[in-house]
Amino acid sequence: MFLIVYALVVVVIGTACLLYLHFRKNRDHEADRNTFKAETANNFLNVKNVINSQLFNKDNDVCSYIKVEPVNINLMEEKDLRLMSEALAAEYSGIIHDFKFIAVSKPEDNSELISLYSRDRQNTSNVKRRALYLEEITSSQTRVQKLEVPTREFYFMLWQENETEKDFIKRVIDFRDRLIRCRIQAKVAVQKEIIQLIAQTTSPQYVVDEELNPELNITLLSEAS
């Protein structure tokens, strides 16, 4: 009888050990797989850190971004447009450092408008007005879900060259001030905005499938008489 009980105890303990080792192996394998995914994503992004208004990548490059508000030239008088063009040409004719212009698309963010319509709908007892608010809320949500109205954000990208960090920061601020003097709203992107820019250019959830119909515009330069 004692031998039978002893054998049962050994079988139970052995089974428990085998189950523990099996689940631990699966857990370690899953952890290794997640770590591999994270390392792959980091290598793909080539981003080491973002501190204040500077991005540091793994190639030891330092970059800064200047966010600019778009200008609708269709709403400008021809004289004002010419003056702005001349001002931009004068301000940036002496720039010797390279820079990049980046335009990124993202879905329309009308959450504040939807919240406003929702509050107004709750505060009114007029049946027709409530129906109109509901129709507008539904329409706005549908546009966002179908990505029908993408918005764009614009950035200038500058990177540190053969200069000190202090001189680079000074050059970034000078670049921003030149835009402001041309009546273009601009600011140096901070950490949160840089991280959002990275997400917009790398994350699939920010991909906007839009059909572009570019117009062919050719600028002709006439010789001054």
Foldseek 3Di string as FASTA:
>chain_A
DVVVVVVVVVVVVVVVVVVVVVVVVVVVVVVVVVVVVVVVVLVVLQWDDAAWQWTAGPVRKIKWKKWWDDDDCVPDDPVLVVLLVVLLCVLCVPDDADKDKDKFKFADDCVVVLVVLVVVLVVDPDPVSVVVSVVVSVVVVVCRVLSVDIDMIMMMMDIDDPDDPVVVVVVVVSVQVSCVVSVIDMDIDTRVVVVVVSCCVPPPNGDHDDDDDDDDDDDDDDDDD
